[in-house]
């Protein structure tokens, strides 16, 4: 629903993490797949210098 209304899929939280970072570190593969399909930037580094793949 948020994407339908042009929400920023690459929005960062206070730790510099995107929704993909959180999905990856919590093992939510379907959410990861959805976000990647909708072109989330997989290269974004968190404030600790980690990509979502680093957290998976």
PDB file of N, CA and C in Angstrom:
ATOM      1  N   UNK A   1       0.811  -1.180   0.000  1.00  0.00           N
ATOM      2  CA  UNK A   1       0.000   0.000   0.000  1.00  0.00           C
ATOM      3  C   UNK A   1       0.864   1.257   0.000  1.00  0.00           C
ATOM      4  N   UNK A   2       1.915   1.275   0.799  1.00  0.00           N
ATOM      5  CA  UNK A   2       2.769   2.461   0.849  1.00  0.00           C
ATOM      6  C   UNK A   2       3.456   2.709  -0.485  1.00  0.00           C
ATOM      7  N   UNK A   3       3.895   1.635  -1.126  1.00  0.00           N
ATOM      8  CA  UNK A   3       4.553   1.802  -2.420  1.00  0.00           C
ATOM      9  C   UNK A   3       3.588   2.334  -3.463  1.00  0.00           C
ATOM     10  N   UNK A   4       2.342   1.956  -3.339  1.00  0.00           N
ATOM     11  CA  UNK A   4       1.316   2.431  -4.264  1.00  0.00           C
ATOM     12  C   UNK A   4       1.169   3.951  -4.182  1.00  0.00           C
ATOM     13  N   UNK A   5       1.494   4.508  -3.016  1.00  0.00           N
ATOM     14  CA  UNK A   5       1.393   5.950  -2.800  1.00  0.00           C
ATOM     15  C   UNK A   5       2.768   6.622  -2.824  1.00  0.00           C
ATOM     16  N   UNK A   6       3.717   5.978  -3.505  1.00  0.00           N
ATOM     17  CA  UNK A   6       5.065   6.516  -3.725  1.00  0.00           C
ATOM     18  C   UNK A   6       5.876   6.739  -2.454  1.00  0.00           C
ATOM     19  N   UNK A   7       5.725   5.873  -1.481  1.00  0.00           N
ATOM     20  CA  UNK A   7       6.562   5.949  -0.282  1.00  0.00           C
ATOM     21  C   UNK A   7       8.006   5.651  -0.669  1.00  0.00           C
ATOM     22  N   UNK A   8       8.942   6.222   0.059  1.00  0.00           N
ATOM     23  CA  UNK A   8      10.364   6.003  -0.207  1.00  0.00           C
ATOM     24  C   UNK A   8      10.763   4.631   0.322  1.00  0.00           C
ATOM     25  N   UNK A   9      10.994   3.694  -0.577  1.00  0.00           N
ATOM     26  CA  UNK A   9      11.341   2.321  -0.197  1.00  0.00           C
ATOM     27  C   UNK A   9      12.732   2.252   0.433  1.00  0.00           C
ATOM     28  N   UNK A  10      13.560   3.269   0.192  1.00  0.00           N
ATOM     29  CA  UNK A  10      14.923   3.291   0.707  1.00  0.00           C
ATOM     30  C   UNK A  10      15.075   4.133   1.970  1.00  0.00           C
ATOM     31  N   UNK A  11      13.981   4.434   2.642  1.00  0.00           N
ATOM     32  CA  UNK A  11      14.009   5.239   3.859  1.00  0.00           C
ATOM     33  C   UNK A  11      14.863   4.555   4.924  1.00  0.00           C
ATOM     34  N   UNK A  12      15.688   5.331   5.604  1.00  0.00           N
ATOM     35  CA  UNK A  12      16.569   4.801   6.643  1.00  0.00           C
ATOM     36  C   UNK A  12      16.003   5.082   8.028  1.00  0.00           C
ATOM     37  N   UNK A  13      16.234   4.137   8.942  1.00  0.00           N
ATOM     38  CA  UNK A  13      15.829   4.359  10.329  1.00  0.00           C
ATOM     39  C   UNK A  13      16.977   5.044  11.080  1.00  0.00           C
ATOM     40  N   UNK A  14      16.877   5.152  12.377  1.00  0.00           N
ATOM     41  CA  UNK A  14      17.894   5.817  13.190  1.00  0.00           C
ATOM     42  C   UNK A  14      19.250   5.134  13.177  1.00  0.00           C
ATOM     43  N   UNK A  15      19.292   3.872  12.777  1.00  0.00           N
ATOM     44  CA  UNK A  15      20.550   3.128  12.688  1.00  0.00           C
ATOM     45  C   UNK A  15      21.064   3.068  11.256  1.00  0.00           C
ATOM     46  N   UNK A  16      20.417   3.825  10.383  1.00  0.00           N
ATOM     47  CA  UNK A  16      20.827   3.835   8.982  1.00  0.00           C
ATOM     48  C   UNK A  16      20.439   2.574   8.237  1.00  0.00           C
ATOM     49  N   UNK A  17      19.418   1.877   8.714  1.00  0.00           N
ATOM     50  CA  UNK A  17      18.992   0.633   8.081  1.00  0.00           C
ATOM     51  C   UNK A  17      17.682   0.825   7.333  1.00  0.00           C
ATOM     52  N   UNK A  18      17.582   0.111   6.220  1.00  0.00           N
ATOM     53  CA  UNK A  18      16.358   0.109   5.426  1.00  0.00           C
ATOM     54  C   UNK A  18      15.479  -1.065   5.856  1.00  0.00           C
ATOM     55  N   UNK A  19      14.311  -1.133   5.275  1.00  0.00           N
ATOM     56  CA  UNK A  19      13.424  -2.275   5.525  1.00  0.00           C
ATOM     57  C   UNK A  19      14.114  -3.574   5.111  1.00  0.00           C
ATOM     58  N   UNK A  20      14.941  -3.509   4.071  1.00  0.00           N
ATOM     59  CA  UNK A  20      15.654  -4.707   3.621  1.00  0.00           C
ATOM     60  C   UNK A  20      16.650  -5.181   4.674  1.00  0.00           C
ATOM     61  N   UNK A  21      17.354  -4.269   5.318  1.00  0.00           N
ATOM     62  CA  UNK A  21      18.263  -4.650   6.400  1.00  0.00           C
ATOM     63  C   UNK A  21      17.497  -5.426   7.475  1.00  0.00           C
ATOM     64  N   UNK A  22      16.359  -4.884   7.892  1.00  0.00           N
ATOM     65  CA  UNK A  22      15.576  -5.524   8.952  1.00  0.00           C
ATOM     66  C   UNK A  22      15.018  -6.876   8.501  1.00  0.00           C
ATOM     67  N   UNK A  23      14.526  -6.943   7.290  1.00  0.00           N
ATOM     68  CA  UNK A  23      13.991  -8.206   6.773  1.00  0.00           C
ATOM     69  C   UNK A  23      15.094  -9.258   6.694  1.00  0.00           C
ATOM     70  N   UNK A  24      16.263  -8.859   6.216  1.00  0.00           N
ATOM     71  CA  UNK A  24      17.372  -9.803   6.061  1.00  0.00           C
ATOM     72  C   UNK A  24      17.858 -10.324   7.411  1.00  0.00           C
ATOM     73  N   UNK A  25      18.046  -9.424   8.371  1.00  0.00           N
ATOM     74  CA  UNK A  25      18.589  -9.875   9.665  1.00  0.00           C
ATOM     75  C   UNK A  25      17.592 -10.715  10.455  1.00  0.00           C
ATOM     76  N   UNK A  26      16.317 -10.607  10.123  1.00  0.00           N
ATOM     77  CA  UNK A  26      15.292 -11.396  10.811  1.00  0.00           C
ATOM     78  C   UNK A  26      14.815 -12.600  10.006  1.00  0.00           C
ATOM     79  N   UNK A  27      15.472 -12.871   8.876  1.00  0.00           N
ATOM     80  CA  UNK A  27      15.177 -14.070   8.098  1.00  0.00           C
ATOM     81  C   UNK A  27      13.874 -14.045   7.325  1.00  0.00           C
ATOM     82  N   UNK A  28      13.359 -12.866   7.033  1.00  0.00           N
ATOM     83  CA  UNK A  28      12.092 -12.743   6.306  1.00  0.00           C
ATOM     84  C   UNK A  28      12.355 -12.750   4.792  1.00  0.00           C
ATOM     85  N   UNK A  29      12.557 -13.950   4.255  1.00  0.00           N
ATOM     86  CA  UNK A  29      12.946 -14.067   2.849  1.00  0.00           C
ATOM     87  C   UNK A  29      11.882 -13.551   1.886  1.00  0.00           C
ATOM     88  N   UNK A  30      10.613 -13.770   2.190  1.00  0.00           N
ATOM     89  CA  UNK A  30       9.561 -13.267   1.296  1.00  0.00           C
ATOM     90  C   UNK A  30       9.558 -11.746   1.258  1.00  0.00           C
ATOM     91  N   UNK A  31       9.772 -11.112   2.399  1.00  0.00           N
ATOM     92  CA  UNK A  31       9.840  -9.648   2.445  1.00  0.00           C
ATOM     93  C   UNK A  31      11.060  -9.156   1.672  1.00  0.00           C
ATOM     94  N   UNK A  32      12.187  -9.840   1.813  1.00  0.00           N
ATOM     95  CA  UNK A  32      13.394  -9.476   1.057  1.00  0.00           C
ATOM     96  C   UNK A  32      13.121  -9.558  -0.435  1.00  0.00           C
ATOM     97  N   UNK A  33      12.523 -10.645  -0.848  1.00  0.00           N
ATOM     98  CA  UNK A  33      12.200 -10.841  -2.260  1.00  0.00           C
ATOM     99  C   UNK A  33      11.287  -9.721  -2.764  1.00  0.00           C
ATOM    100  N   UNK A  34      10.272  -9.379  -1.989  1.00  0.00           N
ATOM    101  CA  UNK A  34       9.338  -8.313  -2.358  1.00  0.00           C
ATOM    102  C   UNK A  34      10.073  -6.981  -2.512  1.00  0.00           C
ATOM    103  N   UNK A  35      10.893  -6.638  -1.534  1.00  0.00           N
ATOM    104  CA  UNK A  35      11.607  -5.359  -1.573  1.00  0.00           C
ATOM    105  C   UNK A  35      12.572  -5.292  -2.754  1.00  0.00           C
ATOM    106  N   UNK A  36      13.276  -6.375  -3.009  1.00  0.00           N
ATOM    107  CA  UNK A  36      14.215  -6.403  -4.135  1.00  0.00           C
ATOM    108  C   UNK A  36      13.462  -6.307  -5.453  1.00  0.00           C
ATOM    109  N   UNK A  37      12.338  -6.991  -5.560  1.00  0.00           N
ATOM    110  CA  UNK A  37      11.507  -6.920  -6.763  1.00  0.00           C
ATOM    111  C   UNK A  37      11.036  -5.496  -7.016  1.00  0.00           C
ATOM    112  N   UNK A  38      10.815  -4.747  -5.942  1.00  0.00           N
ATOM    113  CA  UNK A  38      10.350  -3.365  -6.066  1.00  0.00           C
ATOM    114  C   UNK A  38      11.505  -2.363  -6.048  1.00  0.00           C
ATOM    115  N   UNK A  39      12.688  -2.865  -6.328  1.00  0.00           N
ATOM    116  CA  UNK A  39      13.883  -2.054  -6.583  1.00  0.00           C
ATOM    117  C   UNK A  39      14.432  -1.282  -5.394  1.00  0.00           C
ATOM    118  N   UNK A  40      14.399  -1.894  -4.229  1.00  0.00           N
ATOM    119  CA  UNK A  40      15.094  -1.280  -3.105  1.00  0.00           C
ATOM    120  C   UNK A  40      16.585  -1.286  -3.430  1.00  0.00           C
ATOM    121  N   UNK A  41      17.307  -0.299  -2.965  1.00  0.00           N
ATOM    122  CA  UNK A  41      18.744  -0.212  -3.225  1.00  0.00           C
ATOM    123  C   UNK A  41      19.463  -1.172  -2.284  1.00  0.00           C
ATOM    124  N   UNK A  42      19.987  -2.243  -2.833  1.00  0.00           N
ATOM    125  CA  UNK A  42      20.651  -3.279  -2.034  1.00  0.00           C
ATOM    126  C   UNK A  42      22.061  -2.872  -1.614  1.00  0.00           C
ATOM    127  N   UNK A  43      22.548  -1.745  -2.127  1.00  0.00           N
ATOM    128  CA  UNK A  43      23.915  -1.301  -1.830  1.00  0.00           C
ATOM    129  C   UNK A  43      23.994  -0.331  -0.656  1.00  0.00           C
ATOM    130  N   UNK A  44      22.856   0.036  -0.068  1.00  0.00           N
ATOM    131  CA  UNK A  44      22.869   1.003   1.036  1.00  0.00           C
ATOM    132  C   UNK A  44      23.579   0.400   2.244  1.00  0.00           C
ATOM    133  N   UNK A  45      24.489   1.188   2.815  1.00  0.00           N
ATOM    134  CA  UNK A  45      25.213   0.771   4.010  1.00  0.00           C
ATOM    135  C   UNK A  45      24.550   1.359   5.247  1.00  0.00           C
ATOM    136  N   UNK A  46      24.444   0.550   6.281  1.00  0.00           N
ATOM    137  CA  UNK A  46      23.921   1.040   7.560  1.00  0.00           C
ATOM    138  C   UNK A  46      24.979   1.937   8.197  1.00  0.00           C
ATOM    139  N   UNK A  47      24.654   2.521   9.333  1.00  0.00           N
ATOM    140  CA  UNK A  47      25.623   3.372  10.027  1.00  0.00           C
ATOM    141  C   UNK A  47      26.833   2.567  10.507  1.00  0.00           C
ATOM    142  N   UNK A  48      26.702   1.246  10.558  1.00  0.00           N
ATOM    143  CA  UNK A  48      27.819   0.363  10.922  1.00  0.00           C
ATOM    144  C   UNK A  48      28.576  -0.136   9.695  1.00  0.00           C
ATOM    145  N   UNK A  49      28.182   0.348   8.517  1.00  0.00           N
ATOM    146  CA  UNK A  49      28.870  -0.032   7.286  1.00  0.00           C
ATOM    147  C   UNK A  49      28.455  -1.377   6.717  1.00  0.00           C
ATOM    148  N   UNK A  50      27.260  -1.847   7.057  1.00  0.00           N
ATOM    149  CA  UNK A  50      26.800  -3.151   6.586  1.00  0.00           C
ATOM    150  C   UNK A  50      25.674  -3.020   5.568  1.00  0.00           C
ATOM    151  N   UNK A  51      25.715  -3.894   4.565  1.00  0.00           N
ATOM    152  CA  UNK A  51      24.596  -4.011   3.634  1.00  0.00           C
ATOM    153  C   UNK A  51      23.614  -5.020   4.225  1.00  0.00           C
ATOM    154  N   UNK A  52      22.454  -5.114   3.621  1.00  0.00           N
ATOM    155  CA  UNK A  52      21.472  -6.107   4.072  1.00  0.00           C
ATOM    156  C   UNK A  52      22.039  -7.520   3.925  1.00  0.00           C
ATOM    157  N   UNK A  53      22.816  -7.752   2.881  1.00  0.00           N
ATOM    158  CA  UNK A  53      23.412  -9.076   2.672  1.00  0.00           C
ATOM    159  C   UNK A  53      24.351  -9.431   3.823  1.00  0.00           C
ATOM    160  N   UNK A  54      25.064  -8.442   4.343  1.00  0.00           N
ATOM    161  CA  UNK A  54      25.941  -8.699   5.489  1.00  0.00           C
ATOM    162  C   UNK A  54      25.155  -9.194   6.699  1.00  0.00           C
ATOM    163  N   UNK A  55      23.916  -8.753   6.812  1.00  0.00           N
ATOM    164  CA  UNK A  55      23.090  -9.098   7.977  1.00  0.00           C
ATOM    165  C   UNK A  55      22.298 -10.386   7.800  1.00  0.00           C
ATOM    166  N   UNK A  56      22.238 -10.886   6.577  1.00  0.00           N
ATOM    167  CA  UNK A  56      21.432 -12.081   6.281  1.00  0.00           C
ATOM    168  C   UNK A  56      22.033 -13.330   6.903  1.00  0.00           C
TER     169      UNK A  56
END
